[in-house]
Amino acid sequence: TCKDHKQATKKIDLWNLPQILIVQLKRFQYVHHIAHRINSSVAYP
């Protein structure tokens, strides 16, 4: 709409929770339409 780059956030609403929850992290960064793997560690509880 404004033809500019803006800082954005994602929001998700959880209405019903499943008995088993599966979380998948896409760990790629796209630079000039080429995917690069993100190798930093992920801490999870």
ModelCIF file with pLDDT and N, C-alpha, C, O atoms, coordinates in Angstrom:
data_MODEL
#
_entry.id   MODEL 
#
_entity.id                         1 
_entity.type                       polymer 
_entity.pdbx_number_of_molecules   1 
#
_entity_poly.entity_id                      1 
_entity_poly.type                           'polypeptide(L)' 
_entity_poly.nstd_linkage                   no 
_entity_poly.nstd_monomer                   no 
_entity_poly.pdbx_seq_one_letter_code       TCKDHKQATKKIDLWNLPQILIVQLKRFQYVHHIAHRINSSVAYP 
_entity_poly.pdbx_seq_one_letter_code_can   TCKDHKQATKKIDLWNLPQILIVQLKRFQYVHHIAHRINSSVAYP 
_entity_poly.pdbx_strand_id                 A 
#
loop_
_entity_poly_seq.entity_id 
_entity_poly_seq.num 
_entity_poly_seq.mon_id 
_entity_poly_seq.hetero 
1 1  THR n 
1 2  CYS n 
1 3  LYS n 
1 4  ASP n 
1 5  HIS n 
1 6  LYS n 
1 7  GLN n 
1 8  ALA n 
1 9  THR n 
1 10 LYS n 
1 11 LYS n 
1 12 ILE n 
1 13 ASP n 
1 14 LEU n 
1 15 TRP n 
1 16 ASN n 
1 17 LEU n 
1 18 PRO n 
1 19 GLN n 
1 20 ILE n 
1 21 LEU n 
1 22 ILE n 
1 23 VAL n 
1 24 GLN n 
1 25 LEU n 
1 26 LYS n 
1 27 ARG n 
1 28 PHE n 
1 29 GLN n 
1 30 TYR n 
1 31 VAL n 
1 32 HIS n 
1 33 HIS n 
1 34 ILE n 
1 35 ALA n 
1 36 HIS n 
1 37 ARG n 
1 38 ILE n 
1 39 ASN n 
1 40 SER n 
1 41 SER n 
1 42 VAL n 
1 43 ALA n 
1 44 TYR n 
1 45 PRO n 
#
_struct_asym.id          A 
_struct_asym.entity_id   1 
#
loop_
_ma_qa_metric.id 
_ma_qa_metric.mode 
_ma_qa_metric.name 
_ma_qa_metric.software_group_id 
_ma_qa_metric.type 
1 global pLDDT . pLDDT 
2 local  pLDDT . pLDDT 
#
_ma_qa_metric_global.metric_id      1 
_ma_qa_metric_global.metric_value   83.98 
_ma_qa_metric_global.model_id       1 
_ma_qa_metric_global.ordinal_id     1 
#
loop_
_ma_qa_metric_local.label_asym_id 
_ma_qa_metric_local.label_comp_id 
_ma_qa_metric_local.label_seq_id 
_ma_qa_metric_local.metric_id 
_ma_qa_metric_local.metric_value 
_ma_qa_metric_local.model_id 
_ma_qa_metric_local.ordinal_id 
A THR 1  2 90.00 1 1  
A CYS 2  2 90.00 1 2  
A LYS 3  2 90.00 1 3  
A ASP 4  2 91.00 1 4  
A HIS 5  2 91.00 1 5  
A LYS 6  2 89.00 1 6  
A GLN 7  2 88.00 1 7  
A ALA 8  2 85.00 1 8  
A THR 9  2 84.00 1 9  
A LYS 10 2 81.00 1 10 
A LYS 11 2 81.00 1 11 
A ILE 12 2 80.00 1 12 
A ASP 13 2 80.00 1 13 
A LEU 14 2 81.00 1 14 
A TRP 15 2 82.00 1 15 
A ASN 16 2 82.00 1 16 
A LEU 17 2 85.00 1 17 
A PRO 18 2 86.00 1 18 
A GLN 19 2 87.00 1 19 
A ILE 20 2 88.00 1 20 
A LEU 21 2 87.00 1 21 
A ILE 22 2 88.00 1 22 
A VAL 23 2 87.00 1 23 
A GLN 24 2 84.00 1 24 
A LEU 25 2 82.00 1 25 
A LYS 26 2 78.00 1 26 
A ARG 27 2 79.00 1 27 
A PHE 28 2 79.00 1 28 
A GLN 29 2 81.00 1 29 
A TYR 30 2 82.00 1 30 
A VAL 31 2 84.00 1 31 
A HIS 32 2 85.00 1 32 
A HIS 33 2 82.00 1 33 
A ILE 34 2 80.00 1 34 
A ALA 35 2 79.00 1 35 
A HIS 36 2 79.00 1 36 
A ARG 37 2 80.00 1 37 
A ILE 38 2 81.00 1 38 
A ASN 39 2 79.00 1 39 
A SER 40 2 82.00 1 40 
A SER 41 2 84.00 1 41 
A VAL 42 2 84.00 1 42 
A ALA 43 2 88.00 1 43 
A TYR 44 2 85.00 1 44 
A PRO 45 2 89.00 1 45 
#
loop_
_atom_site.group_PDB 
_atom_site.id 
_atom_site.type_symbol 
_atom_site.label_atom_id 
_atom_site.label_alt_id 
_atom_site.label_comp_id 
_atom_site.label_asym_id 
_atom_site.label_entity_id 
_atom_site.label_seq_id 
_atom_site.pdbx_PDB_ins_code 
_atom_site.Cartn_x 
_atom_site.Cartn_y 
_atom_site.Cartn_z 
_atom_site.occupancy 
_atom_site.B_iso_or_equiv 
_atom_site.pdbx_formal_charge 
_atom_site.auth_seq_id 
_atom_site.auth_comp_id 
_atom_site.auth_asym_id 
_atom_site.auth_atom_id 
_atom_site.pdbx_PDB_model_num 
ATOM 1   N N  . THR A 1 1  ? 0.823  -1.211  0.000  1.00 90.00 ? 1  THR A N  1 
ATOM 2   C CA . THR A 1 1  ? 0.000  0.000   0.000  1.00 90.00 ? 1  THR A CA 1 
ATOM 3   C C  . THR A 1 1  ? 0.859  1.264   0.000  1.00 90.00 ? 1  THR A C  1 
ATOM 4   O O  . THR A 1 1  ? 0.665  2.154   -0.829 1.00 90.00 ? 1  THR A O  1 
ATOM 5   N N  . CYS A 1 2  ? 1.817  1.337   0.943  1.00 90.00 ? 2  CYS A N  1 
ATOM 6   C CA . CYS A 1 2  ? 2.651  2.549   1.029  1.00 90.00 ? 2  CYS A CA 1 
ATOM 7   C C  . CYS A 1 2  ? 3.979  2.400   0.293  1.00 90.00 ? 2  CYS A C  1 
ATOM 8   O O  . CYS A 1 2  ? 4.775  3.338   0.252  1.00 90.00 ? 2  CYS A O  1 
ATOM 9   N N  . LYS A 1 3  ? 4.222  1.222   -0.288 1.00 90.00 ? 3  LYS A N  1 
ATOM 10  C CA . LYS A 1 3  ? 5.425  0.978   -1.102 1.00 90.00 ? 3  LYS A CA 1 
ATOM 11  C C  . LYS A 1 3  ? 6.717  1.235   -0.315 1.00 90.00 ? 3  LYS A C  1 
ATOM 12  O O  . LYS A 1 3  ? 7.658  1.841   -0.827 1.00 90.00 ? 3  LYS A O  1 
ATOM 13  N N  . ASP A 1 4  ? 6.744  0.765   0.929  1.00 91.00 ? 4  ASP A N  1 
ATOM 14  C CA . ASP A 1 4  ? 7.910  0.955   1.783  1.00 91.00 ? 4  ASP A CA 1 
ATOM 15  C C  . ASP A 1 4  ? 8.098  -0.284  2.651  1.00 91.00 ? 4  ASP A C  1 
ATOM 16  O O  . ASP A 1 4  ? 7.156  -1.050  2.856  1.00 91.00 ? 4  ASP A O  1 
ATOM 17  N N  . HIS A 1 5  ? 9.305  -0.480  3.157  1.00 91.00 ? 5  HIS A N  1 
ATOM 18  C CA . HIS A 1 5  ? 9.579  -1.577  4.075  1.00 91.00 ? 5  HIS A CA 1 
ATOM 19  C C  . HIS A 1 5  ? 9.225  -1.141  5.498  1.00 91.00 ? 5  HIS A C  1 
ATOM 20  O O  . HIS A 1 5  ? 9.625  -0.064  5.940  1.00 91.00 ? 5  HIS A O  1 
ATOM 21  N N  . LYS A 1 6  ? 8.479  -1.977  6.203  1.00 89.00 ? 6  LYS A N  1 
ATOM 22  C CA . LYS A 1 6  ? 8.017  -1.681  7.563  1.00 89.00 ? 6  LYS A CA 1 
ATOM 23  C C  . LYS A 1 6  ? 8.430  -2.808  8.494  1.00 89.00 ? 6  LYS A C  1 
ATOM 24  O O  . LYS A 1 6  ? 8.572  -3.955  8.073  1.00 89.00 ? 6  LYS A O  1 
ATOM 25  N N  . GLN A 1 7  ? 8.622  -2.472  9.761  1.00 88.00 ? 7  GLN A N  1 
ATOM 26  C CA . GLN A 1 7  ? 8.867  -3.484  10.776 1.00 88.00 ? 7  GLN A CA 1 
ATOM 27  C C  . GLN A 1 7  ? 7.548  -4.191  11.057 1.00 88.00 ? 7  GLN A C  1 
ATOM 28  O O  . GLN A 1 7  ? 6.525  -3.528  11.234 1.00 88.00 ? 7  GLN A O  1 
ATOM 29  N N  . ALA A 1 8  ? 7.548  -5.515  11.101 1.00 85.00 ? 8  ALA A N  1 
ATOM 30  C CA . ALA A 1 8  ? 6.304  -6.262  11.264 1.00 85.00 ? 8  ALA A CA 1 
ATOM 31  C C  . ALA A 1 8  ? 6.446  -7.297  12.371 1.00 85.00 ? 8  ALA A C  1 
ATOM 32  O O  . ALA A 1 8  ? 7.552  -7.722  12.705 1.00 85.00 ? 8  ALA A O  1 
ATOM 33  N N  . THR A 1 9  ? 5.323  -7.689  12.928 1.00 84.00 ? 9  THR A N  1 
ATOM 34  C CA . THR A 1 9  ? 5.274  -8.773  13.905 1.00 84.00 ? 9  THR A CA 1 
ATOM 35  C C  . THR A 1 9  ? 4.191  -9.753  13.469 1.00 84.00 ? 9  THR A C  1 
ATOM 36  O O  . THR A 1 9  ? 3.272  -9.396  12.731 1.00 84.00 ? 9  THR A O  1 
ATOM 37  N N  . LYS A 1 10 ? 4.313  -10.996 13.938 1.00 81.00 ? 10 LYS A N  1 
ATOM 38  C CA . LYS A 1 10 ? 3.293  -12.005 13.668 1.00 81.00 ? 10 LYS A CA 1 
ATOM 39  C C  . LYS A 1 10 ? 2.520  -12.266 14.946 1.00 81.00 ? 10 LYS A C  1 
ATOM 40  O O  . LYS A 1 10 ? 3.079  -12.224 16.042 1.00 81.00 ? 10 LYS A O  1 
ATOM 41  N N  . LYS A 1 11 ? 1.234  -12.536 14.801 1.00 81.00 ? 11 LYS A N  1 
ATOM 42  C CA . LYS A 1 11 ? 0.386  -12.810 15.945 1.00 81.00 ? 11 LYS A CA 1 
ATOM 43  C C  . LYS A 1 11 ? -0.428 -14.058 15.653 1.00 81.00 ? 11 LYS A C  1 
ATOM 44  O O  . LYS A 1 11 ? -0.912 -14.256 14.539 1.00 81.00 ? 11 LYS A O  1 
ATOM 45  N N  . ILE A 1 12 ? -0.570 -14.894 16.669 1.00 80.00 ? 12 ILE A N  1 
ATOM 46  C CA . ILE A 1 12 ? -1.384 -16.091 16.525 1.00 80.00 ? 12 ILE A CA 1 
ATOM 47  C C  . ILE A 1 12 ? -2.294 -16.194 17.750 1.00 80.00 ? 12 ILE A C  1 
ATOM 48  O O  . ILE A 1 12 ? -1.849 -15.969 18.876 1.00 80.00 ? 12 ILE A O  1 
ATOM 49  N N  . ASP A 1 13 ? -3.559 -16.533 17.532 1.00 80.00 ? 13 ASP A N  1 
ATOM 50  C CA . ASP A 1 13 ? -4.506 -16.751 18.622 1.00 80.00 ? 13 ASP A CA 1 
ATOM 51  C C  . ASP A 1 13 ? -4.737 -18.246 18.756 1.00 80.00 ? 13 ASP A C  1 
ATOM 52  O O  . ASP A 1 13 ? -5.000 -18.932 17.768 1.00 80.00 ? 13 ASP A O  1 
ATOM 53  N N  . LEU A 1 14 ? -4.639 -18.751 19.978 1.00 81.00 ? 14 LEU A N  1 
ATOM 54  C CA . LEU A 1 14 ? -4.860 -20.166 20.236 1.00 81.00 ? 14 LEU A CA 1 
ATOM 55  C C  . LEU A 1 14 ? -6.229 -20.330 20.881 1.00 81.00 ? 14 LEU A C  1 
ATOM 56  O O  . LEU A 1 14 ? -6.440 -19.906 22.017 1.00 81.00 ? 14 LEU A O  1 
ATOM 57  N N  . TRP A 1 15 ? -7.157 -20.945 20.157 1.00 82.00 ? 15 TRP A N  1 
ATOM 58  C CA . TRP A 1 15 ? -8.508 -21.155 20.670 1.00 82.00 ? 15 TRP A CA 1 
ATOM 59  C C  . TRP A 1 15 ? -8.622 -22.523 21.316 1.00 82.00 ? 15 TRP A C  1 
ATOM 60  O O  . TRP A 1 15 ? -8.975 -22.627 22.491 1.00 82.00 ? 15 TRP A O  1 
ATOM 61  N N  . ASN A 1 16 ? -8.334 -23.556 20.575 1.00 82.00 ? 16 ASN A N  1 
ATOM 62  C CA . ASN A 1 16 ? -8.377 -24.922 21.090 1.00 82.00 ? 16 ASN A CA 1 
ATOM 63  C C  . ASN A 1 16 ? -6.987 -25.519 20.961 1.00 82.00 ? 16 ASN A C  1 
ATOM 64  O O  . ASN A 1 16 ? -6.368 -25.437 19.900 1.00 82.00 ? 16 ASN A O  1 
ATOM 65  N N  . LEU A 1 17 ? -6.500 -26.112 22.025 1.00 85.00 ? 17 LEU A N  1 
ATOM 66  C CA . LEU A 1 17 ? -5.165 -26.700 22.010 1.00 85.00 ? 17 LEU A CA 1 
ATOM 67  C C  . LEU A 1 17 ? -5.263 -28.202 21.748 1.00 85.00 ? 17 LEU A C  1 
ATOM 68  O O  . LEU A 1 17 ? -6.143 -28.873 22.288 1.00 85.00 ? 17 LEU A O  1 
ATOM 69  N N  . PRO A 1 18 ? -4.368 -28.722 20.927 1.00 86.00 ? 18 PRO A N  1 
ATOM 70  C CA . PRO A 1 18 ? -4.400 -30.162 20.639 1.00 86.00 ? 18 PRO A CA 1 
ATOM 71  C C  . PRO A 1 18 ? -3.813 -30.957 21.796 1.00 86.00 ? 18 PRO A C  1 
ATOM 72  O O  . PRO A 1 18 ? -3.128 -30.411 22.660 1.00 86.00 ? 18 PRO A O  1 
ATOM 73  N N  . GLN A 1 19 ? -4.091 -32.252 21.797 1.00 87.00 ? 19 GLN A N  1 
ATOM 74  C CA . GLN A 1 19 ? -3.533 -33.121 22.831 1.00 87.00 ? 19 GLN A CA 1 
ATOM 75  C C  . GLN A 1 19 ? -2.016 -33.230 22.666 1.00 87.00 ? 19 GLN A C  1 
ATOM 76  O O  . GLN A 1 19 ? -1.283 -33.273 23.654 1.00 87.00 ? 19 GLN A O  1 
ATOM 77  N N  . ILE A 1 20 ? -1.553 -33.273 21.434 1.00 88.00 ? 20 ILE A N  1 
ATOM 78  C CA . ILE A 1 20 ? -0.122 -33.310 21.130 1.00 88.00 ? 20 ILE A CA 1 
ATOM 79  C C  . ILE A 1 20 ? 0.203  -32.085 20.291 1.00 88.00 ? 20 ILE A C  1 
ATOM 80  O O  . ILE A 1 20 ? -0.429 -31.845 19.262 1.00 88.00 ? 20 ILE A O  1 
ATOM 81  N N  . LEU A 1 21 ? 1.188  -31.311 20.729 1.00 87.00 ? 21 LEU A N  1 
ATOM 82  C CA . LEU A 1 21 ? 1.581  -30.087 20.036 1.00 87.00 ? 21 LEU A CA 1 
ATOM 83  C C  . LEU A 1 21 ? 2.910  -30.322 19.327 1.00 87.00 ? 21 LEU A C  1 
ATOM 84  O O  . LEU A 1 21 ? 3.884  -30.752 19.944 1.00 87.00 ? 21 LEU A O  1 
ATOM 85  N N  . ILE A 1 22 ? 2.944  -30.039 18.031 1.00 88.00 ? 22 ILE A N  1 
ATOM 86  C CA . ILE A 1 22 ? 4.159  -30.171 17.232 1.00 88.00 ? 22 ILE A CA 1 
ATOM 87  C C  . ILE A 1 22 ? 4.569  -28.776 16.781 1.00 88.00 ? 22 ILE A C  1 
ATOM 88  O O  . ILE A 1 22 ? 3.770  -28.045 16.196 1.00 88.00 ? 22 ILE A O  1 
ATOM 89  N N  . VAL A 1 23 ? 5.816  -28.413 17.055 1.00 87.00 ? 23 VAL A N  1 
ATOM 90  C CA . VAL A 1 23 ? 6.343  -27.101 16.678 1.00 87.00 ? 23 VAL A CA 1 
ATOM 91  C C  . VAL A 1 23 ? 7.472  -27.329 15.683 1.00 87.00 ? 23 VAL A C  1 
ATOM 92  O O  . VAL A 1 23 ? 8.408  -28.081 15.955 1.00 87.00 ? 23 VAL A O  1 
ATOM 93  N N  . GLN A 1 24 ? 7.379  -26.680 14.537 1.00 84.00 ? 24 GLN A N  1 
ATOM 94  C CA . GLN A 1 24 ? 8.418  -26.793 13.511 1.00 84.00 ? 24 GLN A CA 1 
ATOM 95  C C  . GLN A 1 24 ? 9.000  -25.411 13.273 1.00 84.00 ? 24 GLN A C  1 
ATOM 96  O O  . GLN A 1 24 ? 8.267  -24.454 13.022 1.00 84.00 ? 24 GLN A O  1 
ATOM 97  N N  . LEU A 1 25 ? 10.315 -25.312 13.352 1.00 82.00 ? 25 LEU A N  1 
ATOM 98  C CA . LEU A 1 25 ? 10.995 -24.045 13.126 1.00 82.00 ? 25 LEU A CA 1 
ATOM 99  C C  . LEU A 1 25 ? 11.646 -24.073 11.753 1.00 82.00 ? 25 LEU A C  1 
ATOM 100 O O  . LEU A 1 25 ? 12.444 -24.963 11.460 1.00 82.00 ? 25 LEU A O  1 
ATOM 101 N N  . LYS A 1 26 ? 11.319 -23.123 10.926 1.00 78.00 ? 26 LYS A N  1 
ATOM 102 C CA . LYS A 1 26 ? 11.970 -22.975 9.626  1.00 78.00 ? 26 LYS A CA 1 
ATOM 103 C C  . LYS A 1 26 ? 13.209 -22.132 9.866  1.00 78.00 ? 26 LYS A C  1 
ATOM 104 O O  . LYS A 1 26 ? 13.099 -20.953 10.204 1.00 78.00 ? 26 LYS A O  1 
ATOM 105 N N  . ARG A 1 27 ? 14.372 -22.710 9.698  1.00 79.00 ? 27 ARG A N  1 
ATOM 106 C CA . ARG A 1 27 ? 15.617 -22.056 10.064 1.00 79.00 ? 27 ARG A CA 1 
ATOM 107 C C  . ARG A 1 27 ? 16.419 -21.668 8.838  1.00 79.00 ? 27 ARG A C  1 
ATOM 108 O O  . ARG A 1 27 ? 17.575 -22.062 8.680  1.00 79.00 ? 27 ARG A O  1 
ATOM 109 N N  . PHE A 1 28 ? 15.782 -20.883 7.966  1.00 79.00 ? 28 PHE A N  1 
ATOM 110 C CA . PHE A 1 28 ? 16.448 -20.411 6.752  1.00 79.00 ? 28 PHE A CA 1 
ATOM 111 C C  . PHE A 1 28 ? 16.281 -18.906 6.641  1.00 79.00 ? 28 PHE A C  1 
ATOM 112 O O  . PHE A 1 28 ? 15.266 -18.348 7.060  1.00 79.00 ? 28 PHE A O  1 
ATOM 113 N N  . GLN A 1 29 ? 17.270 -18.268 6.083  1.00 81.00 ? 29 GLN A N  1 
ATOM 114 C CA . GLN A 1 29 ? 17.225 -16.836 5.826  1.00 81.00 ? 29 GLN A CA 1 
ATOM 115 C C  . GLN A 1 29 ? 17.409 -16.649 4.331  1.00 81.00 ? 29 GLN A C  1 
ATOM 116 O O  . GLN A 1 29 ? 18.311 -17.233 3.730  1.00 81.00 ? 29 GLN A O  1 
ATOM 117 N N  . TYR A 1 30 ? 16.564 -15.843 3.741  1.00 82.00 ? 30 TYR A N  1 
ATOM 118 C CA . TYR A 1 30 ? 16.625 -15.620 2.299  1.00 82.00 ? 30 TYR A CA 1 
ATOM 119 C C  . TYR A 1 30 ? 17.326 -14.295 2.012  1.00 82.00 ? 30 TYR A C  1 
ATOM 120 O O  . TYR A 1 30 ? 16.901 -13.237 2.477  1.00 82.00 ? 30 TYR A O  1 
ATOM 121 N N  . VAL A 1 31 ? 18.403 -14.373 1.240  1.00 84.00 ? 31 VAL A N  1 
ATOM 122 C CA . VAL A 1 31 ? 19.159 -13.198 0.832  1.00 84.00 ? 31 VAL A CA 1 
ATOM 123 C C  . VAL A 1 31 ? 19.199 -13.200 -0.693 1.00 84.00 ? 31 VAL A C  1 
ATOM 124 O O  . VAL A 1 31 ? 19.781 -14.096 -1.304 1.00 84.00 ? 31 VAL A O  1 
ATOM 125 N N  . HIS A 1 32 ? 18.579 -12.197 -1.300 1.00 85.00 ? 32 HIS A N  1 
ATOM 126 C CA . HIS A 1 32 ? 18.515 -12.107 -2.761 1.00 85.00 ? 32 HIS A CA 1 
ATOM 127 C C  . HIS A 1 32 ? 17.930 -13.386 -3.367 1.00 85.00 ? 32 HIS A C  1 
ATOM 128 O O  . HIS A 1 32 ? 18.450 -13.907 -4.354 1.00 85.00 ? 32 HIS A O  1 
ATOM 129 N N  . HIS A 1 33 ? 16.852 -13.883 -2.771 1.00 82.00 ? 33 HIS A N  1 
ATOM 130 C CA . HIS A 1 33 ? 16.113 -15.065 -3.237 1.00 82.00 ? 33 HIS A CA 1 
ATOM 131 C C  . HIS A 1 33 ? 16.918 -16.360 -3.139 1.00 82.00 ? 33 HIS A C  1 
ATOM 132 O O  . HIS A 1 33 ? 16.571 -17.348 -3.786 1.00 82.00 ? 33 HIS A O  1 
ATOM 133 N N  . ILE A 1 34 ? 17.973 -16.372 -2.352 1.00 80.00 ? 34 ILE A N  1 
ATOM 134 C CA . ILE A 1 34 ? 18.759 -17.585 -2.116 1.00 80.00 ? 34 ILE A CA 1 
ATOM 135 C C  . ILE A 1 34 ? 18.657 -17.921 -0.630 1.00 80.00 ? 34 ILE A C  1 
ATOM 136 O O  . ILE A 1 34 ? 18.901 -17.071 0.226  1.00 80.00 ? 34 ILE A O  1 
ATOM 137 N N  . ALA A 1 35 ? 18.290 -19.181 -0.333 1.00 79.00 ? 35 ALA A N  1 
ATOM 138 C CA . ALA A 1 35 ? 18.119 -19.600 1.057  1.00 79.00 ? 35 ALA A CA 1 
ATOM 139 C C  . ALA A 1 35 ? 19.463 -19.964 1.673  1.00 79.00 ? 35 ALA A C  1 
ATOM 140 O O  . ALA A 1 35 ? 20.265 -20.685 1.080  1.00 79.00 ? 35 ALA A O  1 
ATOM 141 N N  . HIS A 1 36 ? 19.686 -19.448 2.875  1.00 79.00 ? 36 HIS A N  1 
ATOM 142 C CA . HIS A 1 36 ? 20.867 -19.786 3.661  1.00 79.00 ? 36 HIS A CA 1 
ATOM 143 C C  . HIS A 1 36 ? 20.389 -20.338 5.002  1.00 79.00 ? 36 HIS A C  1 
ATOM 144 O O  . HIS A 1 36 ? 19.422 -19.846 5.584  1.00 79.00 ? 36 HIS A O  1 
ATOM 145 N N  . ARG A 1 37 ? 21.066 -21.339 5.465  1.00 80.00 ? 37 ARG A N  1 
ATOM 146 C CA . ARG A 1 37 ? 20.719 -21.977 6.718  1.00 80.00 ? 37 ARG A CA 1 
ATOM 147 C C  . ARG A 1 37 ? 21.173 -21.121 7.895  1.00 80.00 ? 37 ARG A C  1 
ATOM 148 O O  . ARG A 1 37 ? 22.273 -20.570 7.869  1.00 80.00 ? 37 ARG A O  1 
ATOM 149 N N  . ILE A 1 38 ? 20.335 -21.004 8.931  1.00 81.00 ? 38 ILE A N  1 
ATOM 150 C CA . ILE A 1 38 ? 20.695 -20.300 10.160 1.00 81.00 ? 38 ILE A CA 1 
ATOM 151 C C  . ILE A 1 38 ? 21.263 -21.334 11.125 1.00 81.00 ? 38 ILE A C  1 
ATOM 152 O O  . ILE A 1 38 ? 20.574 -22.288 11.487 1.00 81.00 ? 38 ILE A O  1 
ATOM 153 N N  . ASN A 1 39 ? 22.498 -21.156 11.538 1.00 79.00 ? 39 ASN A N  1 
ATOM 154 C CA . ASN A 1 39 ? 23.182 -22.161 12.359 1.00 79.00 ? 39 ASN A CA 1 
ATOM 155 C C  . ASN A 1 39 ? 23.241 -21.823 13.840 1.00 79.00 ? 39 ASN A C  1 
ATOM 156 O O  . ASN A 1 39 ? 23.901 -22.538 14.594 1.00 79.00 ? 39 ASN A O  1 
ATOM 157 N N  . SER A 1 40 ? 22.583 -20.769 14.284 1.00 82.00 ? 40 SER A N  1 
ATOM 158 C CA . SER A 1 40 ? 22.617 -20.423 15.704 1.00 82.00 ? 40 SER A CA 1 
ATOM 159 C C  . SER A 1 40 ? 21.821 -21.456 16.513 1.00 82.00 ? 40 SER A C  1 
ATOM 160 O O  . SER A 1 40 ? 20.897 -22.087 15.999 1.00 82.00 ? 40 SER A O  1 
ATOM 161 N N  . SER A 1 41 ? 22.195 -21.611 17.776 1.00 84.00 ? 41 SER A N  1 
ATOM 162 C CA . SER A 1 41 ? 21.531 -22.583 18.649 1.00 84.00 ? 41 SER A CA 1 
ATOM 163 C C  . SER A 1 41 ? 20.145 -22.104 19.049 1.00 84.00 ? 41 SER A C  1 
ATOM 164 O O  . SER A 1 41 ? 19.886 -20.903 19.125 1.00 84.00 ? 41 SER A O  1 
ATOM 165 N N  . VAL A 1 42 ? 19.259 -23.056 19.304 1.00 84.00 ? 42 VAL A N  1 
ATOM 166 C CA . VAL A 1 42 ? 17.906 -22.757 19.754 1.00 84.00 ? 42 VAL A CA 1 
ATOM 167 C C  . VAL A 1 42 ? 17.739 -23.359 21.140 1.00 84.00 ? 42 VAL A C  1 
ATOM 168 O O  . VAL A 1 42 ? 17.933 -24.561 21.325 1.00 84.00 ? 42 VAL A O  1 
ATOM 169 N N  . ALA A 1 43 ? 17.383 -22.539 22.106 1.00 88.00 ? 43 ALA A N  1 
ATOM 170 C CA . ALA A 1 43 ? 17.106 -23.021 23.460 1.00 88.00 ? 43 ALA A CA 1 
ATOM 171 C C  . ALA A 1 43 ? 15.606 -23.278 23.562 1.00 88.00 ? 43 ALA A C  1 
ATOM 172 O O  . ALA A 1 43 ? 14.806 -22.410 23.211 1.00 88.00 ? 43 ALA A O  1 
ATOM 173 N N  . TYR A 1 44 ? 15.223 -24.440 24.029 1.00 85.00 ? 44 TYR A N  1 
ATOM 174 C CA . TYR A 1 44 ? 13.810 -24.774 24.149 1.00 85.00 ? 44 TYR A CA 1 
ATOM 175 C C  . TYR A 1 44 ? 13.556 -25.382 25.520 1.00 85.00 ? 44 TYR A C  1 
ATOM 176 O O  . TYR A 1 44 ? 14.416 -26.081 26.056 1.00 85.00 ? 44 TYR A O  1 
ATOM 177 N N  . PRO A 1 45 ? 12.391 -25.124 26.092 1.00 89.00 ? 45 PRO A N  1 
ATOM 178 C CA . PRO A 1 45 ? 12.092 -25.628 27.438 1.00 89.00 ? 45 PRO A CA 1 
ATOM 179 C C  . PRO A 1 45 ? 11.698 -27.104 27.398 1.00 89.00 ? 45 PRO A C  1 
ATOM 180 O O  . PRO A 1 45 ? 11.412 -27.696 28.439 1.00 89.00 ? 45 PRO A O  1 
#
